[in-house]
């Protein structure tokens, strides 16, 4: 059977162990907050990216029509 991991250090663990775990906890909290900020920024940019993509598609279609002689 697999041993269950506890979020706390084992009883009797020294202050060094606790400080390492505290550091890791803060590090991962920072990483999570940073990821959430990046995701929010990308979601804000999504409409602009979609509009740019639509414009590029329109210009490519216009170029093909011009080359083929269609107007």
PDB file of N, CA and C in Angstrom:
ATOM      1  N   UNK A   1       0.840  -1.183   0.000  1.00  0.00           N
ATOM      2  CA  UNK A   1       0.000   0.000   0.000  1.00  0.00           C
ATOM      3  C   UNK A   1       0.885   1.246   0.000  1.00  0.00           C
ATOM      4  N   UNK A   2       0.464   2.249  -0.704  1.00  0.00           N
ATOM      5  CA  UNK A   2       1.238   3.473  -0.817  1.00  0.00           C
ATOM      6  C   UNK A   2       1.069   4.354   0.401  1.00  0.00           C
ATOM      7  N   UNK A   3       2.176   4.898   0.853  1.00  0.00           N
ATOM      8  CA  UNK A   3       2.139   5.777   2.023  1.00  0.00           C
ATOM      9  C   UNK A   3       1.574   7.131   1.618  1.00  0.00           C
ATOM     10  N   UNK A   4       0.730   7.668   2.426  1.00  0.00           N
ATOM     11  CA  UNK A   4       0.120   8.961   2.171  1.00  0.00           C
ATOM     12  C   UNK A   4       1.062  10.080   2.597  1.00  0.00           C
ATOM     13  N   UNK A   5       1.216  11.067   1.739  1.00  0.00           N
ATOM     14  CA  UNK A   5       2.105  12.181   2.059  1.00  0.00           C
ATOM     15  C   UNK A   5       1.370  13.208   2.888  1.00  0.00           C
ATOM     16  N   UNK A   6       2.006  13.660   3.918  1.00  0.00           N
ATOM     17  CA  UNK A   6       1.432  14.662   4.798  1.00  0.00           C
ATOM     18  C   UNK A   6       1.978  16.033   4.420  1.00  0.00           C
ATOM     19  N   UNK A   7       1.146  17.083   4.465  1.00  0.00           N
ATOM     20  CA  UNK A   7       1.650  18.409   4.138  1.00  0.00           C
ATOM     21  C   UNK A   7       2.590  18.968   5.202  1.00  0.00           C
ATOM     22  N   UNK A   8       2.601  18.358   6.364  1.00  0.00           N
ATOM     23  CA  UNK A   8       3.453  18.826   7.457  1.00  0.00           C
ATOM     24  C   UNK A   8       4.657  17.902   7.597  1.00  0.00           C
ATOM     25  N   UNK A   9       5.774  18.451   8.046  1.00  0.00           N
ATOM     26  CA  UNK A   9       6.938  17.585   8.261  1.00  0.00           C
ATOM     27  C   UNK A   9       6.657  16.597   9.392  1.00  0.00           C
ATOM     28  N   UNK A  10       7.377  15.497   9.417  1.00  0.00           N
ATOM     29  CA  UNK A  10       7.151  14.516  10.481  1.00  0.00           C
ATOM     30  C   UNK A  10       7.445  15.117  11.853  1.00  0.00           C
ATOM     31  N   UNK A  11       6.807  14.547  12.861  1.00  0.00           N
ATOM     32  CA  UNK A  11       6.997  15.034  14.230  1.00  0.00           C
ATOM     33  C   UNK A  11       8.466  14.953  14.602  1.00  0.00           C
ATOM     34  N   UNK A  12       8.955  16.011  15.181  1.00  0.00           N
ATOM     35  CA  UNK A  12      10.346  16.049  15.590  1.00  0.00           C
ATOM     36  C   UNK A  12      11.274  16.606  14.517  1.00  0.00           C
ATOM     37  N   UNK A  13      10.709  16.995  13.369  1.00  0.00           N
ATOM     38  CA  UNK A  13      11.549  17.568  12.318  1.00  0.00           C
ATOM     39  C   UNK A  13      12.075  18.912  12.801  1.00  0.00           C
ATOM     40  N   UNK A  14      13.278  19.200  12.456  1.00  0.00           N
ATOM     41  CA  UNK A  14      13.916  20.426  12.918  1.00  0.00           C
ATOM     42  C   UNK A  14      13.409  21.667  12.200  1.00  0.00           C
ATOM     43  N   UNK A  15      13.795  22.820  12.722  1.00  0.00           N
ATOM     44  CA  UNK A  15      13.356  24.082  12.118  1.00  0.00           C
ATOM     45  C   UNK A  15      13.867  24.255  10.692  1.00  0.00           C
ATOM     46  N   UNK A  16      15.007  23.622  10.373  1.00  0.00           N
ATOM     47  CA  UNK A  16      15.536  23.724   9.020  1.00  0.00           C
ATOM     48  C   UNK A  16      14.575  23.069   8.024  1.00  0.00           C
ATOM     49  N   UNK A  17      14.038  21.913   8.395  1.00  0.00           N
ATOM     50  CA  UNK A  17      13.081  21.216   7.532  1.00  0.00           C
ATOM     51  C   UNK A  17      11.846  22.074   7.320  1.00  0.00           C
ATOM     52  N   UNK A  18      11.346  22.659   8.395  1.00  0.00           N
ATOM     53  CA  UNK A  18      10.160  23.509   8.289  1.00  0.00           C
ATOM     54  C   UNK A  18      10.434  24.732   7.420  1.00  0.00           C
ATOM     55  N   UNK A  19      11.619  25.325   7.562  1.00  0.00           N
ATOM     56  CA  UNK A  19      11.917  26.515   6.765  1.00  0.00           C
ATOM     57  C   UNK A  19      12.046  26.161   5.281  1.00  0.00           C
ATOM     58  N   UNK A  20      12.587  24.992   4.992  1.00  0.00           N
ATOM     59  CA  UNK A  20      12.680  24.552   3.592  1.00  0.00           C
ATOM     60  C   UNK A  20      11.287  24.344   3.029  1.00  0.00           C
ATOM     61  N   UNK A  21      10.401  23.709   3.797  1.00  0.00           N
ATOM     62  CA  UNK A  21       9.038  23.490   3.335  1.00  0.00           C
ATOM     63  C   UNK A  21       8.280  24.807   3.180  1.00  0.00           C
ATOM     64  N   UNK A  22       8.500  25.745   4.098  1.00  0.00           N
ATOM     65  CA  UNK A  22       7.870  27.065   3.986  1.00  0.00           C
ATOM     66  C   UNK A  22       8.337  27.771   2.719  1.00  0.00           C
ATOM     67  N   UNK A  23       9.642  27.672   2.438  1.00  0.00           N
ATOM     68  CA  UNK A  23      10.194  28.292   1.237  1.00  0.00           C
ATOM     69  C   UNK A  23       9.562  27.683  -0.011  1.00  0.00           C
ATOM     70  N   UNK A  24       9.488  26.350  -0.047  1.00  0.00           N
ATOM     71  CA  UNK A  24       8.876  25.673  -1.195  1.00  0.00           C
ATOM     72  C   UNK A  24       7.419  26.093  -1.363  1.00  0.00           C
ATOM     73  N   UNK A  25       6.711  26.197  -0.246  1.00  0.00           N
ATOM     74  CA  UNK A  25       5.300  26.586  -0.299  1.00  0.00           C
ATOM     75  C   UNK A  25       5.157  27.988  -0.885  1.00  0.00           C
ATOM     76  N   UNK A  26       5.972  28.916  -0.435  1.00  0.00           N
ATOM     77  CA  UNK A  26       5.927  30.298  -0.956  1.00  0.00           C
ATOM     78  C   UNK A  26       6.312  30.336  -2.430  1.00  0.00           C
ATOM     79  N   UNK A  27       7.291  29.532  -2.796  1.00  0.00           N
ATOM     80  CA  UNK A  27       7.748  29.493  -4.183  1.00  0.00           C
ATOM     81  C   UNK A  27       6.612  29.028  -5.096  1.00  0.00           C
ATOM     82  N   UNK A  28       5.915  27.970  -4.706  1.00  0.00           N
ATOM     83  CA  UNK A  28       4.845  27.450  -5.546  1.00  0.00           C
ATOM     84  C   UNK A  28       3.626  28.375  -5.549  1.00  0.00           C
ATOM     85  N   UNK A  29       3.381  29.064  -4.460  1.00  0.00           N
ATOM     86  CA  UNK A  29       2.307  30.057  -4.447  1.00  0.00           C
ATOM     87  C   UNK A  29       2.626  31.184  -5.425  1.00  0.00           C
ATOM     88  N   UNK A  30       3.879  31.636  -5.420  1.00  0.00           N
ATOM     89  CA  UNK A  30       4.294  32.681  -6.360  1.00  0.00           C
ATOM     90  C   UNK A  30       4.144  32.194  -7.797  1.00  0.00           C
ATOM     91  N   UNK A  31       4.571  30.969  -8.071  1.00  0.00           N
ATOM     92  CA  UNK A  31       4.475  30.420  -9.420  1.00  0.00           C
ATOM     93  C   UNK A  31       3.014  30.326  -9.867  1.00  0.00           C
ATOM     94  N   UNK A  32       2.132  29.921  -8.975  1.00  0.00           N
ATOM     95  CA  UNK A  32       0.712  29.824  -9.305  1.00  0.00           C
ATOM     96  C   UNK A  32       0.122  31.206  -9.599  1.00  0.00           C
ATOM     97  N   UNK A  33       0.457  32.197  -8.765  1.00  0.00           N
ATOM     98  CA  UNK A  33      -0.047  33.552  -8.995  1.00  0.00           C
ATOM     99  C   UNK A  33       0.488  34.119 -10.309  1.00  0.00           C
ATOM    100  N   UNK A  34       1.741  33.862 -10.596  1.00  0.00           N
ATOM    101  CA  UNK A  34       2.341  34.327 -11.844  1.00  0.00           C
ATOM    102  C   UNK A  34       1.636  33.694 -13.043  1.00  0.00           C
ATOM    103  N   UNK A  35       1.364  32.411 -12.970  1.00  0.00           N
ATOM    104  CA  UNK A  35       0.659  31.720 -14.047  1.00  0.00           C
ATOM    105  C   UNK A  35      -0.743  32.281 -14.240  1.00  0.00           C
ATOM    106  N   UNK A  36      -1.435  32.547 -13.138  1.00  0.00           N
ATOM    107  CA  UNK A  36      -2.788  33.113 -13.240  1.00  0.00           C
ATOM    108  C   UNK A  36      -2.761  34.496 -13.883  1.00  0.00           C
ATOM    109  N   UNK A  37      -1.746  35.308 -13.549  1.00  0.00           N
ATOM    110  CA  UNK A  37      -1.610  36.642 -14.165  1.00  0.00           C
ATOM    111  C   UNK A  37      -1.332  36.524 -15.662  1.00  0.00           C
ATOM    112  N   UNK A  38      -0.462  35.604 -16.025  1.00  0.00           N
ATOM    113  CA  UNK A  38      -0.157  35.404 -17.444  1.00  0.00           C
ATOM    114  C   UNK A  38      -1.389  34.938 -18.210  1.00  0.00           C
ATOM    115  N   UNK A  39      -2.153  34.015 -17.630  1.00  0.00           N
ATOM    116  CA  UNK A  39      -3.366  33.525 -18.276  1.00  0.00           C
ATOM    117  C   UNK A  39      -4.380  34.654 -18.460  1.00  0.00           C
ATOM    118  N   UNK A  40      -4.539  35.492 -17.450  1.00  0.00           N
ATOM    119  CA  UNK A  40      -5.469  36.620 -17.543  1.00  0.00           C
ATOM    120  C   UNK A  40      -5.028  37.582 -18.638  1.00  0.00           C
ATOM    121  N   UNK A  41      -3.727  37.843 -18.737  1.00  0.00           N
ATOM    122  CA  UNK A  41      -3.215  38.726 -19.784  1.00  0.00           C
ATOM    123  C   UNK A  41      -3.462  38.159 -21.171  1.00  0.00           C
ATOM    124  N   UNK A  42      -3.267  36.861 -21.330  1.00  0.00           N
ATOM    125  CA  UNK A  42      -3.514  36.235 -22.629  1.00  0.00           C
ATOM    126  C   UNK A  42      -5.005  36.248 -22.980  1.00  0.00           C
ATOM    127  N   UNK A  43      -5.854  36.041 -21.993  1.00  0.00           N
ATOM    128  CA  UNK A  43      -7.299  36.096 -22.255  1.00  0.00           C
ATOM    129  C   UNK A  43      -7.713  37.500 -22.684  1.00  0.00           C
ATOM    130  N   UNK A  44      -7.075  38.517 -22.113  1.00  0.00           N
ATOM    131  CA  UNK A  44      -7.364  39.897 -22.515  1.00  0.00           C
ATOM    132  C   UNK A  44      -6.940  40.154 -23.959  1.00  0.00           C
ATOM    133  N   UNK A  45      -5.845  39.528 -24.389  1.00  0.00           N
ATOM    134  CA  UNK A  45      -5.315  39.742 -25.734  1.00  0.00           C
ATOM    135  C   UNK A  45      -6.040  38.924 -26.798  1.00  0.00           C
ATOM    136  N   UNK A  46      -6.786  37.925 -26.398  1.00  0.00           N
ATOM    137  CA  UNK A  46      -7.409  37.006 -27.348  1.00  0.00           C
ATOM    138  C   UNK A  46      -8.285  37.697 -28.398  1.00  0.00           C
ATOM    139  N   UNK A  47      -9.162  38.658 -28.048  1.00  0.00           N
ATOM    140  CA  UNK A  47      -9.961  39.314 -29.090  1.00  0.00           C
ATOM    141  C   UNK A  47      -9.094  40.046 -30.124  1.00  0.00           C
ATOM    142  N   UNK A  48      -8.029  40.698 -29.678  1.00  0.00           N
ATOM    143  CA  UNK A  48      -7.139  41.388 -30.616  1.00  0.00           C
ATOM    144  C   UNK A  48      -6.445  40.397 -31.544  1.00  0.00           C
ATOM    145  N   UNK A  49      -6.027  39.281 -30.997  1.00  0.00           N
ATOM    146  CA  UNK A  49      -5.362  38.254 -31.802  1.00  0.00           C
ATOM    147  C   UNK A  49      -6.338  37.702 -32.841  1.00  0.00           C
ATOM    148  N   UNK A  50      -7.580  37.466 -32.434  1.00  0.00           N
ATOM    149  CA  UNK A  50      -8.596  36.945 -33.355  1.00  0.00           C
ATOM    150  C   UNK A  50      -8.865  37.954 -34.471  1.00  0.00           C
ATOM    151  N   UNK A  51      -8.962  39.227 -34.131  1.00  0.00           N
ATOM    152  CA  UNK A  51      -9.206  40.269 -35.130  1.00  0.00           C
ATOM    153  C   UNK A  51      -8.042  40.339 -36.122  1.00  0.00           C
ATOM    154  N   UNK A  52      -6.824  40.248 -35.640  1.00  0.00           N
ATOM    155  CA  UNK A  52      -5.648  40.256 -36.506  1.00  0.00           C
ATOM    156  C   UNK A  52      -5.652  39.054 -37.439  1.00  0.00           C
ATOM    157  N   UNK A  53      -5.987  37.895 -36.908  1.00  0.00           N
ATOM    158  CA  UNK A  53      -6.048  36.685 -37.723  1.00  0.00           C
ATOM    159  C   UNK A  53      -7.114  36.814 -38.812  1.00  0.00           C
ATOM    160  N   UNK A  54      -8.269  37.366 -38.467  1.00  0.00           N
ATOM    161  CA  UNK A  54      -9.323  37.586 -39.468  1.00  0.00           C
ATOM    162  C   UNK A  54      -8.846  38.531 -40.565  1.00  0.00           C
ATOM    163  N   UNK A  55      -8.122  39.572 -40.189  1.00  0.00           N
ATOM    164  CA  UNK A  55      -7.599  40.530 -41.169  1.00  0.00           C
ATOM    165  C   UNK A  55      -6.600  39.857 -42.104  1.00  0.00           C
ATOM    166  N   UNK A  56      -5.705  39.051 -41.558  1.00  0.00           N
ATOM    167  CA  UNK A  56      -4.728  38.332 -42.380  1.00  0.00           C
ATOM    168  C   UNK A  56      -5.434  37.396 -43.346  1.00  0.00           C
ATOM    169  N   UNK A  57      -6.431  36.678 -42.877  1.00  0.00           N
ATOM    170  CA  UNK A  57      -7.188  35.781 -43.767  1.00  0.00           C
ATOM    171  C   UNK A  57      -7.865  36.563 -44.879  1.00  0.00           C
ATOM    172  N   UNK A  58      -8.451  37.706 -44.550  1.00  0.00           N
ATOM    173  CA  UNK A  58      -9.102  38.544 -45.554  1.00  0.00           C
ATOM    174  C   UNK A  58      -8.092  39.009 -46.602  1.00  0.00           C
ATOM    175  N   UNK A  59      -6.922  39.468 -46.149  1.00  0.00           N
ATOM    176  CA  UNK A  59      -5.916  39.956 -47.082  1.00  0.00           C
ATOM    177  C   UNK A  59      -5.367  38.831 -47.965  1.00  0.00           C
ATOM    178  N   UNK A  60      -5.205  37.638 -47.404  1.00  0.00           N
ATOM    179  CA  UNK A  60      -4.751  36.497 -48.210  1.00  0.00           C
ATOM    180  C   UNK A  60      -5.782  36.151 -49.271  1.00  0.00           C
ATOM    181  N   UNK A  61      -7.056  36.160 -48.913  1.00  0.00           N
ATOM    182  CA  UNK A  61      -8.125  35.860 -49.865  1.00  0.00           C
ATOM    183  C   UNK A  61      -8.160  36.920 -50.962  1.00  0.00           C
ATOM    184  N   UNK A  62      -7.997  38.165 -50.576  1.00  0.00           N
ATOM    185  CA  UNK A  62      -7.988  39.270 -51.543  1.00  0.00           C
ATOM    186  C   UNK A  62      -6.807  39.135 -52.506  1.00  0.00           C
ATOM    187  N   UNK A  63      -5.665  38.729 -51.984  1.00  0.00           N
ATOM    188  CA  UNK A  63      -4.472  38.552 -52.809  1.00  0.00           C
ATOM    189  C   UNK A  63      -4.701  37.430 -53.824  1.00  0.00           C
ATOM    190  N   UNK A  64      -5.285  36.322 -53.388  1.00  0.00           N
ATOM    191  CA  UNK A  64      -5.551  35.182 -54.277  1.00  0.00           C
ATOM    192  C   UNK A  64      -6.544  35.595 -55.356  1.00  0.00           C
ATOM    193  N   UNK A  65      -7.572  36.327 -54.990  1.00  0.00           N
ATOM    194  CA  UNK A  65      -8.559  36.773 -55.976  1.00  0.00           C
ATOM    195  C   UNK A  65      -7.918  37.704 -57.003  1.00  0.00           C
ATOM    196  N   UNK A  66      -7.028  38.555 -56.564  1.00  0.00           N
ATOM    197  CA  UNK A  66      -6.356  39.501 -57.444  1.00  0.00           C
ATOM    198  C   UNK A  66      -5.438  38.761 -58.429  1.00  0.00           C
ATOM    199  N   UNK A  67      -4.727  37.756 -57.944  1.00  0.00           N
ATOM    200  CA  UNK A  67      -3.813  36.979 -58.782  1.00  0.00           C
ATOM    201  C   UNK A  67      -4.591  36.184 -59.825  1.00  0.00           C
ATOM    202  N   UNK A  68      -5.740  35.652 -59.422  1.00  0.00           N
ATOM    203  CA  UNK A  68      -6.554  34.821 -60.328  1.00  0.00           C
ATOM    204  C   UNK A  68      -7.384  35.677 -61.277  1.00  0.00           C
ATOM    205  N   UNK A  69      -7.435  36.950 -61.087  1.00  0.00           N
ATOM    206  CA  UNK A  69      -8.203  37.830 -61.974  1.00  0.00           C
ATOM    207  C   UNK A  69      -9.609  38.092 -61.502  1.00  0.00           C
ATOM    208  N   UNK A  70      -9.989  37.618 -60.347  1.00  0.00           N
ATOM    209  CA  UNK A  70     -11.324  37.896 -59.805  1.00  0.00           C
ATOM    210  C   UNK A  70     -11.307  39.196 -59.054  1.00  0.00           C
ATOM    211  N   UNK A  71     -12.399  39.872 -59.046  1.00  0.00           N
ATOM    212  CA  UNK A  71     -12.475  41.114 -58.281  1.00  0.00           C
ATOM    213  C   UNK A  71     -13.632  41.080 -57.349  1.00  0.00           C
TER     214      UNK A  71
END
